[in-house]
Amino acid sequence: MKAGIVPYETTTPTGAAILAATVDDFTEHFHFTPKGIGYGIGQRDTEIPNVLRVMLGEVPEEAFVNDVATQNAILMECNIDDMNPEMYDFMMDAFFAKGAHDVFLTPILMKKSRPAVKISVLCNVREREAMEEVFWLQTSTFGLRTYPVSKAMLRKEFSKQSTEYGEISVKHAYFRGRRIKSKPEYEDCKRLAREKGVTLKEIYDSLKFGKSP
């Protein structure tokens, strides 16, 4: 609920139901391109015009400022002390298949010094239900914790680099208009190392990263 100028509720039951069914996140920070605007006029006389304005807009996937984008996300967690560790790999693949941004495991100690694992999943708010389904079906947990978080991400570009062993995809990160770091794609390096019968280090050493253009 959000306070306004008038000292009473101004929404209708229908309006509240529409918001509850369609809105993923409530925030005062927004960045979008308006595509349409609609108005509705209420019947109650108030100190201010009883007019509702609704805007339909397109939100960019990432809005960059100085090559850094921020996004609202959620972190979902549970503690596990009774699950076969062989199942974790399959579980992580299921999270990523449903759209998780990141999945990580942290060793912890629970009550009575029982060793356990904390499962953490980072995802968009709209993916919450899909992530919950994986937690319920792929783990032994009976409950979850969910926290709102803010993500900051550098702008990324990809390029192909030819080496003596073959072509490798390279990810570049930018900050304030300058390329500050580069990283080869691990799967490309692993594939070439197996195909050429060399070590991963030899593949990495064959890459040459120049200065920022």
N, C-alpha and C. Protein backbone atom coordinates (compact mmCIF):
# COMPACT_ATOMS: atom_id res chain seq x y z
N MET A 1 0.86 -1.20 0.00
CA MET A 1 0.00 0.00 0.00
C MET A 1 0.89 1.24 0.00
N LYS A 2 0.44 2.28 -0.71
CA LYS A 2 1.23 3.50 -0.79
C LYS A 2 0.37 4.69 -0.41
N ALA A 3 0.87 5.56 0.46
CA ALA A 3 0.13 6.72 0.91
C ALA A 3 0.06 7.77 -0.19
N GLY A 4 -1.00 8.57 -0.19
CA GLY A 4 -1.16 9.62 -1.17
C GLY A 4 -1.55 10.92 -0.51
N ILE A 5 -2.07 11.84 -1.33
CA ILE A 5 -2.43 13.15 -0.80
C ILE A 5 -3.71 13.08 0.02
N VAL A 6 -4.68 12.29 -0.42
CA VAL A 6 -5.95 12.18 0.31
C VAL A 6 -5.82 11.15 1.43
N PRO A 7 -6.51 11.36 2.57
CA PRO A 7 -6.34 10.48 3.75
C PRO A 7 -7.23 9.26 3.74
N TYR A 8 -7.46 8.64 2.59
CA TYR A 8 -8.29 7.44 2.54
C TYR A 8 -7.92 6.63 1.30
N GLU A 9 -8.37 5.39 1.27
CA GLU A 9 -8.08 4.49 0.16
C GLU A 9 -8.79 4.97 -1.10
N THR A 10 -8.07 4.98 -2.22
CA THR A 10 -8.67 5.47 -3.47
C THR A 10 -8.79 4.39 -4.54
N THR A 11 -8.24 3.25 -4.29
CA THR A 11 -8.39 2.19 -5.30
C THR A 11 -9.74 1.48 -5.13
N THR A 12 -10.12 0.73 -6.13
CA THR A 12 -11.36 -0.06 -6.08
C THR A 12 -10.99 -1.53 -5.90
N PRO A 13 -11.91 -2.37 -5.47
CA PRO A 13 -11.61 -3.81 -5.37
C PRO A 13 -11.15 -4.39 -6.70
N THR A 14 -11.76 -3.92 -7.79
CA THR A 14 -11.33 -4.41 -9.11
C THR A 14 -9.91 -3.99 -9.42
N GLY A 15 -9.59 -2.74 -9.13
CA GLY A 15 -8.24 -2.25 -9.38
C GLY A 15 -7.21 -2.99 -8.54
N ALA A 16 -7.54 -3.24 -7.27
CA ALA A 16 -6.62 -3.98 -6.40
C ALA A 16 -6.41 -5.40 -6.92
N ALA A 17 -7.48 -6.03 -7.41
CA ALA A 17 -7.37 -7.39 -7.93
C ALA A 17 -6.50 -7.43 -9.19
N ILE A 18 -6.62 -6.43 -10.06
CA ILE A 18 -5.80 -6.38 -11.27
C ILE A 18 -4.33 -6.24 -10.91
N LEU A 19 -4.04 -5.35 -9.95
CA LEU A 19 -2.65 -5.17 -9.52
C LEU A 19 -2.08 -6.46 -8.93
N ALA A 20 -2.85 -7.10 -8.06
CA ALA A 20 -2.38 -8.33 -7.42
C ALA A 20 -2.10 -9.44 -8.43
N ALA A 21 -2.88 -9.47 -9.51
CA ALA A 21 -2.74 -10.55 -10.49
C ALA A 21 -1.68 -10.29 -11.54
N THR A 22 -1.31 -9.03 -11.75
CA THR A 22 -0.44 -8.72 -12.89
C THR A 22 0.91 -8.12 -12.52
N VAL A 23 1.05 -7.56 -11.33
CA VAL A 23 2.28 -6.84 -10.99
C VAL A 23 3.28 -7.76 -10.32
N ASP A 24 4.53 -7.72 -10.80
CA ASP A 24 5.61 -8.50 -10.22
C ASP A 24 6.39 -7.72 -9.16
N ASP A 25 6.46 -6.40 -9.32
CA ASP A 25 7.31 -5.62 -8.43
C ASP A 25 6.74 -4.21 -8.31
N PHE A 26 6.78 -3.62 -7.09
CA PHE A 26 6.36 -2.25 -6.86
C PHE A 26 7.60 -1.42 -6.53
N THR A 27 7.83 -0.35 -7.27
CA THR A 27 9.03 0.43 -7.07
C THR A 27 8.78 1.87 -7.44
N GLU A 28 9.56 2.79 -6.84
CA GLU A 28 9.49 4.20 -7.22
C GLU A 28 10.50 4.53 -8.31
N HIS A 29 11.34 3.57 -8.67
CA HIS A 29 12.36 3.79 -9.69
C HIS A 29 11.93 3.08 -10.97
N PHE A 30 11.85 3.81 -12.05
CA PHE A 30 11.44 3.19 -13.30
C PHE A 30 12.13 3.88 -14.48
N HIS A 31 12.28 3.14 -15.54
CA HIS A 31 12.88 3.65 -16.77
C HIS A 31 12.22 2.91 -17.91
N PHE A 32 11.38 3.62 -18.67
CA PHE A 32 10.67 2.96 -19.75
C PHE A 32 10.29 3.98 -20.82
N THR A 33 9.93 3.47 -21.98
CA THR A 33 9.48 4.30 -23.10
C THR A 33 7.97 4.20 -23.20
N PRO A 34 7.22 5.29 -22.96
CA PRO A 34 5.76 5.22 -23.02
C PRO A 34 5.28 4.86 -24.43
N LYS A 35 4.33 3.93 -24.51
CA LYS A 35 3.73 3.52 -25.79
C LYS A 35 2.24 3.86 -25.84
N GLY A 36 1.64 4.13 -24.70
CA GLY A 36 0.22 4.47 -24.66
C GLY A 36 -0.15 4.99 -23.29
N ILE A 37 -1.14 5.90 -23.22
CA ILE A 37 -1.59 6.49 -21.96
C ILE A 37 -3.11 6.46 -21.93
N GLY A 38 -3.67 6.01 -20.80
CA GLY A 38 -5.12 5.98 -20.64
C GLY A 38 -5.55 6.68 -19.36
N TYR A 39 -6.76 7.24 -19.35
CA TYR A 39 -7.27 7.97 -18.20
C TYR A 39 -8.62 7.40 -17.76
N GLY A 40 -8.88 7.45 -16.47
CA GLY A 40 -10.17 7.08 -15.92
C GLY A 40 -10.58 8.10 -14.88
N ILE A 41 -11.87 8.44 -14.82
CA ILE A 41 -12.37 9.46 -13.90
C ILE A 41 -13.32 8.81 -12.89
N GLY A 42 -13.05 9.03 -11.59
CA GLY A 42 -13.89 8.47 -10.53
C GLY A 42 -15.09 9.34 -10.22
N GLN A 43 -16.00 8.80 -9.43
CA GLN A 43 -17.24 9.51 -9.10
C GLN A 43 -17.14 10.30 -7.80
N ARG A 44 -16.17 9.98 -6.95
CA ARG A 44 -16.04 10.67 -5.67
C ARG A 44 -15.41 12.05 -5.87
N ASP A 45 -15.94 13.07 -5.16
CA ASP A 45 -15.34 14.40 -5.18
C ASP A 45 -14.23 14.45 -4.14
N THR A 46 -13.04 14.83 -4.57
CA THR A 46 -11.89 14.88 -3.67
C THR A 46 -11.21 16.24 -3.77
N GLU A 47 -10.23 16.45 -2.86
CA GLU A 47 -9.50 17.71 -2.86
C GLU A 47 -8.68 17.89 -4.14
N ILE A 48 -8.32 16.80 -4.77
CA ILE A 48 -7.57 16.84 -6.02
C ILE A 48 -8.41 16.15 -7.08
N PRO A 49 -8.14 16.39 -8.36
CA PRO A 49 -8.93 15.72 -9.41
C PRO A 49 -8.91 14.20 -9.24
N ASN A 50 -10.06 13.59 -9.28
CA ASN A 50 -10.19 12.14 -9.09
C ASN A 50 -9.98 11.44 -10.44
N VAL A 51 -8.74 11.50 -10.90
CA VAL A 51 -8.40 10.98 -12.22
C VAL A 51 -7.25 9.99 -12.08
N LEU A 52 -7.37 8.86 -12.74
CA LEU A 52 -6.32 7.84 -12.77
C LEU A 52 -5.65 7.86 -14.14
N ARG A 53 -4.33 7.87 -14.15
CA ARG A 53 -3.58 7.79 -15.40
C ARG A 53 -2.76 6.51 -15.41
N VAL A 54 -2.90 5.75 -16.46
CA VAL A 54 -2.15 4.51 -16.61
C VAL A 54 -1.33 4.60 -17.89
N MET A 55 -0.05 4.27 -17.78
CA MET A 55 0.85 4.31 -18.94
C MET A 55 1.30 2.91 -19.30
N LEU A 56 1.28 2.60 -20.57
CA LEU A 56 1.81 1.35 -21.10
C LEU A 56 3.15 1.67 -21.73
N GLY A 57 4.19 0.98 -21.28
CA GLY A 57 5.53 1.30 -21.78
C GLY A 57 6.38 0.06 -21.97
N GLU A 58 7.48 0.25 -22.67
CA GLU A 58 8.47 -0.81 -22.89
C GLU A 58 9.67 -0.54 -22.00
N VAL A 59 10.03 -1.55 -21.22
CA VAL A 59 11.18 -1.44 -20.32
C VAL A 59 12.36 -2.15 -20.95
N PRO A 60 13.48 -1.48 -21.14
CA PRO A 60 14.65 -2.16 -21.71
C PRO A 60 15.16 -3.23 -20.76
N GLU A 61 15.71 -4.29 -21.31
CA GLU A 61 16.24 -5.38 -20.48
C GLU A 61 17.30 -4.85 -19.53
N GLU A 62 18.14 -3.94 -20.02
CA GLU A 62 19.18 -3.35 -19.18
C GLU A 62 19.34 -1.89 -19.56
N ALA A 63 19.26 -0.99 -18.59
CA ALA A 63 19.48 0.43 -18.82
C ALA A 63 20.84 0.79 -18.23
N PHE A 64 21.80 1.14 -19.08
CA PHE A 64 23.17 1.34 -18.64
C PHE A 64 23.45 2.80 -18.32
N VAL A 65 24.14 3.04 -17.20
CA VAL A 65 24.68 4.33 -16.83
C VAL A 65 26.16 4.12 -16.58
N ASN A 66 27.00 4.79 -17.36
CA ASN A 66 28.45 4.58 -17.29
C ASN A 66 28.81 3.12 -17.48
N ASP A 67 28.08 2.43 -18.37
CA ASP A 67 28.31 1.03 -18.70
C ASP A 67 27.98 0.08 -17.54
N VAL A 68 27.20 0.54 -16.55
CA VAL A 68 26.76 -0.30 -15.44
C VAL A 68 25.24 -0.32 -15.43
N ALA A 69 24.66 -1.51 -15.42
CA ALA A 69 23.20 -1.65 -15.37
C ALA A 69 22.79 -2.20 -14.01
N THR A 70 21.69 -1.71 -13.48
CA THR A 70 21.14 -2.23 -12.23
C THR A 70 19.79 -2.86 -12.49
N GLN A 71 19.51 -3.94 -11.79
CA GLN A 71 18.25 -4.65 -11.93
C GLN A 71 17.77 -5.10 -10.56
N ASN A 72 16.45 -5.12 -10.38
CA ASN A 72 15.87 -5.72 -9.19
C ASN A 72 15.78 -7.23 -9.40
N ALA A 73 16.11 -7.98 -8.37
CA ALA A 73 16.07 -9.44 -8.45
C ALA A 73 15.72 -9.99 -7.08
N ILE A 74 15.65 -11.30 -6.97
CA ILE A 74 15.42 -11.94 -5.67
C ILE A 74 16.44 -13.04 -5.46
N LEU A 75 16.75 -13.28 -4.20
CA LEU A 75 17.64 -14.37 -3.81
C LEU A 75 16.83 -15.36 -2.99
N MET A 76 16.79 -16.61 -3.44
CA MET A 76 16.01 -17.65 -2.77
C MET A 76 16.98 -18.66 -2.17
N GLU A 77 16.72 -19.07 -0.91
CA GLU A 77 17.66 -19.95 -0.20
C GLU A 77 16.93 -20.99 0.64
N CYS A 78 17.64 -22.09 0.88
CA CYS A 78 17.20 -23.07 1.86
C CYS A 78 18.42 -23.82 2.36
N ASN A 79 18.31 -24.43 3.55
CA ASN A 79 19.39 -25.23 4.13
C ASN A 79 19.04 -26.71 4.02
N ILE A 80 20.00 -27.51 3.59
CA ILE A 80 19.78 -28.94 3.36
C ILE A 80 20.81 -29.75 4.14
N ASP A 81 20.34 -30.73 4.92
CA ASP A 81 21.27 -31.60 5.64
C ASP A 81 20.93 -33.09 5.45
N ASP A 82 20.01 -33.39 4.52
CA ASP A 82 19.56 -34.78 4.39
C ASP A 82 19.41 -35.21 2.92
N MET A 83 20.23 -34.62 2.04
CA MET A 83 20.08 -34.89 0.61
C MET A 83 21.36 -35.51 0.06
N ASN A 84 21.21 -36.47 -0.83
CA ASN A 84 22.35 -37.11 -1.48
C ASN A 84 23.11 -36.07 -2.31
N PRO A 85 24.40 -35.83 -2.03
CA PRO A 85 25.15 -34.82 -2.77
C PRO A 85 25.19 -35.06 -4.28
N GLU A 86 25.01 -36.30 -4.72
CA GLU A 86 25.02 -36.58 -6.15
C GLU A 86 23.88 -35.88 -6.88
N MET A 87 22.86 -35.47 -6.13
CA MET A 87 21.69 -34.84 -6.75
C MET A 87 21.88 -33.35 -7.01
N TYR A 88 22.90 -32.74 -6.42
CA TYR A 88 23.06 -31.29 -6.54
C TYR A 88 23.30 -30.86 -7.99
N ASP A 89 24.11 -31.59 -8.72
CA ASP A 89 24.42 -31.20 -10.10
C ASP A 89 23.16 -31.19 -10.96
N PHE A 90 22.34 -32.23 -10.84
CA PHE A 90 21.09 -32.30 -11.59
C PHE A 90 20.15 -31.17 -11.18
N MET A 91 20.11 -30.87 -9.89
CA MET A 91 19.28 -29.79 -9.37
C MET A 91 19.70 -28.44 -9.95
N MET A 92 21.01 -28.18 -9.98
CA MET A 92 21.51 -26.90 -10.50
C MET A 92 21.16 -26.74 -11.98
N ASP A 93 21.28 -27.81 -12.75
CA ASP A 93 20.90 -27.75 -14.16
C ASP A 93 19.42 -27.40 -14.30
N ALA A 94 18.58 -27.92 -13.41
CA ALA A 94 17.14 -27.63 -13.46
C ALA A 94 16.87 -26.16 -13.17
N PHE A 95 17.59 -25.56 -12.22
CA PHE A 95 17.43 -24.13 -11.94
C PHE A 95 17.81 -23.29 -13.15
N PHE A 96 18.95 -23.59 -13.75
CA PHE A 96 19.41 -22.81 -14.91
C PHE A 96 18.45 -22.98 -16.09
N ALA A 97 17.91 -24.17 -16.25
CA ALA A 97 16.96 -24.41 -17.35
C ALA A 97 15.69 -23.58 -17.17
N LYS A 98 15.35 -23.23 -15.94
CA LYS A 98 14.15 -22.43 -15.66
C LYS A 98 14.43 -20.93 -15.70
N GLY A 99 15.70 -20.54 -15.93
CA GLY A 99 16.02 -19.13 -16.07
C GLY A 99 16.77 -18.49 -14.91
N ALA A 100 17.34 -19.28 -14.01
CA ALA A 100 18.11 -18.71 -12.89
C ALA A 100 19.34 -17.96 -13.42
N HIS A 101 19.66 -16.84 -12.80
CA HIS A 101 20.87 -16.09 -13.16
C HIS A 101 22.11 -16.75 -12.58
N ASP A 102 21.99 -17.26 -11.37
CA ASP A 102 23.13 -17.91 -10.72
C ASP A 102 22.60 -18.89 -9.68
N VAL A 103 23.34 -19.96 -9.46
CA VAL A 103 23.04 -20.96 -8.44
C VAL A 103 24.35 -21.31 -7.75
N PHE A 104 24.37 -21.28 -6.42
CA PHE A 104 25.61 -21.63 -5.73
C PHE A 104 25.30 -22.33 -4.41
N LEU A 105 26.26 -23.15 -3.99
CA LEU A 105 26.14 -23.95 -2.77
C LEU A 105 27.18 -23.49 -1.76
N THR A 106 26.74 -23.35 -0.49
CA THR A 106 27.63 -22.92 0.57
C THR A 106 27.61 -23.93 1.71
N PRO A 107 28.77 -24.49 2.10
CA PRO A 107 28.79 -25.41 3.25
C PRO A 107 28.54 -24.64 4.55
N ILE A 108 27.65 -25.16 5.39
CA ILE A 108 27.31 -24.50 6.65
C ILE A 108 27.22 -25.53 7.77
N LEU A 109 27.15 -25.06 9.01
CA LEU A 109 26.89 -25.90 10.17
C LEU A 109 25.55 -25.50 10.76
N MET A 110 24.67 -26.47 10.96
CA MET A 110 23.36 -26.21 11.53
C MET A 110 23.35 -26.60 13.01
N LYS A 111 22.17 -26.61 13.61
CA LYS A 111 22.08 -26.93 15.04
C LYS A 111 22.66 -28.31 15.32
N LYS A 112 23.18 -28.46 16.53
CA LYS A 112 23.85 -29.69 16.95
C LYS A 112 25.06 -30.00 16.08
N SER A 113 25.63 -28.93 15.45
CA SER A 113 26.85 -29.03 14.63
C SER A 113 26.69 -29.97 13.44
N ARG A 114 25.48 -30.08 12.92
CA ARG A 114 25.26 -30.93 11.75
C ARG A 114 25.78 -30.23 10.50
N PRO A 115 26.64 -30.88 9.71
CA PRO A 115 27.09 -30.28 8.44
C PRO A 115 25.93 -30.23 7.46
N ALA A 116 25.84 -29.14 6.71
CA ALA A 116 24.74 -28.96 5.77
C ALA A 116 25.21 -28.09 4.61
N VAL A 117 24.30 -27.88 3.67
CA VAL A 117 24.57 -27.06 2.49
C VAL A 117 23.45 -26.04 2.33
N LYS A 118 23.84 -24.77 2.12
CA LYS A 118 22.86 -23.74 1.80
C LYS A 118 22.78 -23.61 0.28
N ILE A 119 21.58 -23.80 -0.26
CA ILE A 119 21.35 -23.64 -1.70
C ILE A 119 20.84 -22.23 -1.94
N SER A 120 21.52 -21.47 -2.80
CA SER A 120 21.14 -20.09 -3.10
C SER A 120 20.88 -19.95 -4.59
N VAL A 121 19.77 -19.30 -4.94
CA VAL A 121 19.38 -19.11 -6.34
C VAL A 121 19.05 -17.64 -6.56
N LEU A 122 19.70 -17.03 -7.55
CA LEU A 122 19.45 -15.65 -7.91
C LEU A 122 18.63 -15.62 -9.20
N CYS A 123 17.53 -14.86 -9.22
CA CYS A 123 16.67 -14.85 -10.40
C CYS A 123 15.84 -13.57 -10.44
N ASN A 124 15.14 -13.38 -11.58
CA ASN A 124 14.19 -12.28 -11.70
C ASN A 124 12.97 -12.55 -10.82
N VAL A 125 12.27 -11.49 -10.44
CA VAL A 125 11.05 -11.63 -9.64
C VAL A 125 10.03 -12.50 -10.36
N ARG A 126 9.92 -12.32 -11.69
CA ARG A 126 8.91 -13.07 -12.44
C ARG A 126 9.21 -14.56 -12.53
N GLU A 127 10.43 -14.97 -12.20
CA GLU A 127 10.79 -16.38 -12.24
C GLU A 127 10.60 -17.07 -10.89
N ARG A 128 10.06 -16.37 -9.91
CA ARG A 128 9.97 -16.91 -8.55
C ARG A 128 9.20 -18.24 -8.52
N GLU A 129 8.04 -18.28 -9.15
CA GLU A 129 7.23 -19.50 -9.10
C GLU A 129 7.95 -20.68 -9.74
N ALA A 130 8.66 -20.44 -10.85
CA ALA A 130 9.40 -21.51 -11.52
C ALA A 130 10.52 -22.03 -10.64
N MET A 131 11.22 -21.11 -9.92
CA MET A 131 12.29 -21.53 -9.02
C MET A 131 11.74 -22.32 -7.83
N GLU A 132 10.60 -21.86 -7.30
CA GLU A 132 9.98 -22.59 -6.19
C GLU A 132 9.67 -24.02 -6.59
N GLU A 133 9.18 -24.20 -7.81
CA GLU A 133 8.86 -25.55 -8.28
C GLU A 133 10.08 -26.45 -8.26
N VAL A 134 11.24 -25.92 -8.67
CA VAL A 134 12.46 -26.73 -8.65
C VAL A 134 12.85 -27.06 -7.21
N PHE A 135 12.76 -26.07 -6.32
CA PHE A 135 13.07 -26.34 -4.91
C PHE A 135 12.18 -27.45 -4.35
N TRP A 136 10.88 -27.38 -4.63
CA TRP A 136 9.96 -28.39 -4.06
C TRP A 136 10.20 -29.78 -4.66
N LEU A 137 10.46 -29.84 -5.96
CA LEU A 137 10.56 -31.13 -6.64
C LEU A 137 11.97 -31.72 -6.65
N GLN A 138 13.00 -30.89 -6.64
CA GLN A 138 14.36 -31.39 -6.84
C GLN A 138 15.20 -31.39 -5.56
N THR A 139 14.66 -30.87 -4.44
CA THR A 139 15.42 -30.88 -3.20
C THR A 139 14.55 -31.47 -2.09
N SER A 140 15.13 -31.66 -0.93
CA SER A 140 14.40 -32.23 0.21
C SER A 140 13.86 -31.16 1.15
N THR A 141 13.95 -29.88 0.77
CA THR A 141 13.54 -28.81 1.67
C THR A 141 12.02 -28.77 1.88
N PHE A 142 11.63 -28.28 3.06
CA PHE A 142 10.22 -28.06 3.37
C PHE A 142 9.89 -26.57 3.41
N GLY A 143 10.90 -25.70 3.22
CA GLY A 143 10.66 -24.26 3.30
C GLY A 143 11.74 -23.47 2.57
N LEU A 144 11.43 -22.19 2.30
CA LEU A 144 12.34 -21.31 1.55
C LEU A 144 12.41 -19.94 2.22
N ARG A 145 13.52 -19.26 1.98
CA ARG A 145 13.67 -17.85 2.34
C ARG A 145 13.86 -17.07 1.04
N THR A 146 13.21 -15.93 0.92
CA THR A 146 13.32 -15.11 -0.29
C THR A 146 13.60 -13.67 0.10
N TYR A 147 14.61 -13.06 -0.53
CA TYR A 147 15.00 -11.69 -0.23
C TYR A 147 15.03 -10.86 -1.52
N PRO A 148 14.58 -9.61 -1.48
CA PRO A 148 14.79 -8.73 -2.63
C PRO A 148 16.24 -8.25 -2.66
N VAL A 149 16.86 -8.23 -3.82
CA VAL A 149 18.24 -7.77 -3.96
C VAL A 149 18.34 -6.87 -5.18
N SER A 150 19.42 -6.12 -5.27
CA SER A 150 19.69 -5.28 -6.43
C SER A 150 20.99 -5.77 -7.07
N LYS A 151 20.95 -5.97 -8.39
CA LYS A 151 22.12 -6.43 -9.13
C LYS A 151 22.75 -5.27 -9.89
N ALA A 152 24.07 -5.23 -9.92
CA ALA A 152 24.81 -4.28 -10.74
C ALA A 152 25.67 -5.08 -11.70
N MET A 153 25.59 -4.76 -12.99
CA MET A 153 26.28 -5.55 -14.01
C MET A 153 26.99 -4.64 -15.01
N LEU A 154 28.20 -5.00 -15.37
CA LEU A 154 28.93 -4.27 -16.38
C LEU A 154 28.38 -4.59 -17.78
N ARG A 155 28.46 -3.62 -18.68
CA ARG A 155 28.08 -3.87 -20.07
C ARG A 155 29.06 -4.85 -20.69
N LYS A 156 28.53 -5.82 -21.43
CA LYS A 156 29.37 -6.88 -22.01
C LYS A 156 29.25 -6.89 -23.53
N GLU A 157 30.36 -7.22 -24.17
CA GLU A 157 30.38 -7.48 -25.60
C GLU A 157 31.17 -8.76 -25.83
N PHE A 158 30.88 -9.43 -26.94
CA PHE A 158 31.55 -10.69 -27.26
C PHE A 158 32.27 -10.56 -28.60
N SER A 159 33.39 -11.24 -28.69
CA SER A 159 34.14 -11.28 -29.94
C SER A 159 34.72 -12.69 -30.12
N LYS A 160 35.19 -12.97 -31.32
CA LYS A 160 35.84 -14.24 -31.63
C LYS A 160 37.34 -13.99 -31.82
N GLN A 161 38.15 -14.84 -31.22
CA GLN A 161 39.59 -14.70 -31.37
C GLN A 161 40.18 -16.00 -31.92
N SER A 162 40.95 -15.88 -32.97
CA SER A 162 41.60 -17.05 -33.57
C SER A 162 42.91 -17.34 -32.85
N THR A 163 43.13 -18.60 -32.53
CA THR A 163 44.38 -19.03 -31.91
C THR A 163 44.95 -20.20 -32.71
N GLU A 164 46.11 -20.64 -32.33
CA GLU A 164 46.72 -21.78 -33.03
C GLU A 164 45.94 -23.06 -32.84
N TYR A 165 45.03 -23.07 -31.86
CA TYR A 165 44.23 -24.27 -31.60
C TYR A 165 42.81 -24.17 -32.17
N GLY A 166 42.39 -22.97 -32.55
CA GLY A 166 41.05 -22.79 -33.07
C GLY A 166 40.45 -21.49 -32.58
N GLU A 167 39.19 -21.25 -32.91
CA GLU A 167 38.51 -20.00 -32.58
C GLU A 167 37.87 -20.09 -31.20
N ILE A 168 38.00 -19.01 -30.41
CA ILE A 168 37.48 -18.97 -29.05
C ILE A 168 36.65 -17.71 -28.86
N SER A 169 35.49 -17.85 -28.23
CA SER A 169 34.66 -16.69 -27.89
C SER A 169 35.24 -16.00 -26.65
N VAL A 170 35.29 -14.68 -26.70
CA VAL A 170 35.85 -13.90 -25.60
C VAL A 170 34.82 -12.86 -25.16
N LYS A 171 34.62 -12.76 -23.85
CA LYS A 171 33.69 -11.79 -23.27
C LYS A 171 34.47 -10.59 -22.76
N HIS A 172 34.05 -9.38 -23.16
CA HIS A 172 34.70 -8.14 -22.74
C HIS A 172 33.74 -7.33 -21.87
N ALA A 173 34.26 -6.71 -20.82
CA ALA A 173 33.46 -5.87 -19.92
C ALA A 173 33.92 -4.42 -20.03
N TYR A 174 32.95 -3.49 -19.99
CA TYR A 174 33.24 -2.07 -20.16
C TYR A 174 32.76 -1.27 -18.96
N PHE A 175 33.52 -0.20 -18.66
CA PHE A 175 33.15 0.72 -17.57
C PHE A 175 33.56 2.12 -17.98
N ARG A 176 32.60 3.03 -17.98
CA ARG A 176 32.82 4.42 -18.37
C ARG A 176 33.47 4.54 -19.74
N GLY A 177 32.97 3.71 -20.66
CA GLY A 177 33.42 3.78 -22.04
C GLY A 177 34.74 3.09 -22.32
N ARG A 178 35.32 2.42 -21.33
CA ARG A 178 36.62 1.77 -21.52
C ARG A 178 36.52 0.29 -21.22
N ARG A 179 37.13 -0.52 -22.06
CA ARG A 179 37.16 -1.95 -21.79
C ARG A 179 38.13 -2.22 -20.66
N ILE A 180 37.66 -2.86 -19.60
CA ILE A 180 38.50 -3.02 -18.41
C ILE A 180 38.91 -4.47 -18.16
N LYS A 181 38.23 -5.43 -18.77
CA LYS A 181 38.62 -6.83 -18.56
C LYS A 181 38.06 -7.69 -19.68
N SER A 182 38.74 -8.81 -19.91
CA SER A 182 38.31 -9.76 -20.94
C SER A 182 38.48 -11.17 -20.39
N LYS A 183 37.59 -12.05 -20.84
CA LYS A 183 37.62 -13.42 -20.33
C LYS A 183 37.18 -14.39 -21.42
N PRO A 184 37.97 -15.44 -21.68
CA PRO A 184 37.56 -16.43 -22.68
C PRO A 184 36.42 -17.30 -22.16
N GLU A 185 35.59 -17.78 -23.07
CA GLU A 185 34.50 -18.66 -22.71
C GLU A 185 35.07 -20.04 -22.36
N TYR A 186 34.79 -20.50 -21.15
CA TYR A 186 35.38 -21.74 -20.65
C TYR A 186 35.02 -22.94 -21.52
N GLU A 187 33.76 -23.03 -21.95
CA GLU A 187 33.34 -24.19 -22.73
C GLU A 187 34.11 -24.30 -24.04
N ASP A 188 34.41 -23.17 -24.69
CA ASP A 188 35.22 -23.19 -25.91
C ASP A 188 36.62 -23.70 -25.61
N CYS A 189 37.21 -23.20 -24.52
CA CYS A 189 38.57 -23.62 -24.16
C CYS A 189 38.62 -25.11 -23.81
N LYS A 190 37.64 -25.58 -23.06
CA LYS A 190 37.59 -27.00 -22.69
C LYS A 190 37.46 -27.89 -23.93
N ARG A 191 36.59 -27.46 -24.86
CA ARG A 191 36.38 -28.26 -26.07
C ARG A 191 37.66 -28.35 -26.89
N LEU A 192 38.36 -27.23 -27.07
CA LEU A 192 39.59 -27.24 -27.86
C LEU A 192 40.70 -28.03 -27.17
N ALA A 193 40.77 -27.94 -25.84
CA ALA A 193 41.79 -28.70 -25.11
C ALA A 193 41.60 -30.19 -25.33
N ARG A 194 40.36 -30.65 -25.34
CA ARG A 194 40.09 -32.07 -25.57
C ARG A 194 40.36 -32.46 -27.02
N GLU A 195 39.94 -31.58 -27.94
CA GLU A 195 40.13 -31.90 -29.36
C GLU A 195 41.61 -31.94 -29.74
N LYS A 196 42.41 -31.02 -29.18
CA LYS A 196 43.83 -30.91 -29.57
C LYS A 196 44.76 -31.69 -28.65
N GLY A 197 44.23 -32.26 -27.59
CA GLY A 197 45.07 -33.03 -26.67
C GLY A 197 46.08 -32.20 -25.91
N VAL A 198 45.69 -30.97 -25.52
CA VAL A 198 46.57 -30.10 -24.76
C VAL A 198 45.88 -29.72 -23.44
N THR A 199 46.59 -28.99 -22.59
CA THR A 199 46.02 -28.58 -21.31
C THR A 199 45.20 -27.30 -21.48
N LEU A 200 44.34 -27.05 -20.49
CA LEU A 200 43.57 -25.80 -20.50
C LEU A 200 44.49 -24.59 -20.42
N LYS A 201 45.59 -24.71 -19.66
CA LYS A 201 46.52 -23.59 -19.54
C LYS A 201 47.12 -23.22 -20.90
N GLU A 202 47.42 -24.23 -21.71
CA GLU A 202 47.97 -23.94 -23.03
C GLU A 202 46.95 -23.19 -23.90
N ILE A 203 45.69 -23.55 -23.76
CA ILE A 203 44.65 -22.84 -24.51
C ILE A 203 44.56 -21.40 -24.04
N TYR A 204 44.54 -21.19 -22.72
CA TYR A 204 44.45 -19.83 -22.19
C TYR A 204 45.68 -19.00 -22.58
N ASP A 205 46.86 -19.63 -22.55
CA ASP A 205 48.09 -18.90 -22.89
C ASP A 205 48.14 -18.50 -24.35
N SER A 206 47.36 -19.17 -25.19
CA SER A 206 47.38 -18.86 -26.63
C SER A 206 46.56 -17.60 -26.96
N LEU A 207 45.79 -17.13 -25.98
CA LEU A 207 44.97 -15.93 -26.20
C LEU A 207 45.77 -14.67 -25.95
N LYS A 208 45.52 -13.68 -26.78
CA LYS A 208 46.20 -12.39 -26.64
C LYS A 208 45.14 -11.31 -26.49
N PHE A 209 45.15 -10.63 -25.35
CA PHE A 209 44.20 -9.54 -25.11
C PHE A 209 44.91 -8.21 -25.26
N GLY A 210 44.46 -7.45 -26.24
CA GLY A 210 45.05 -6.13 -26.44
C GLY A 210 44.42 -5.10 -25.53
N LYS A 211 44.88 -3.88 -25.67
CA LYS A 211 44.33 -2.79 -24.86
C LYS A 211 42.96 -2.38 -25.39
N SER A 212 42.25 -1.67 -24.58
CA SER A 212 40.92 -1.23 -24.96
C SER A 212 40.98 -0.36 -26.19
N PRO A 213 40.09 -0.58 -27.17
CA PRO A 213 40.10 0.25 -28.36
C PRO A 213 39.67 1.68 -28.04
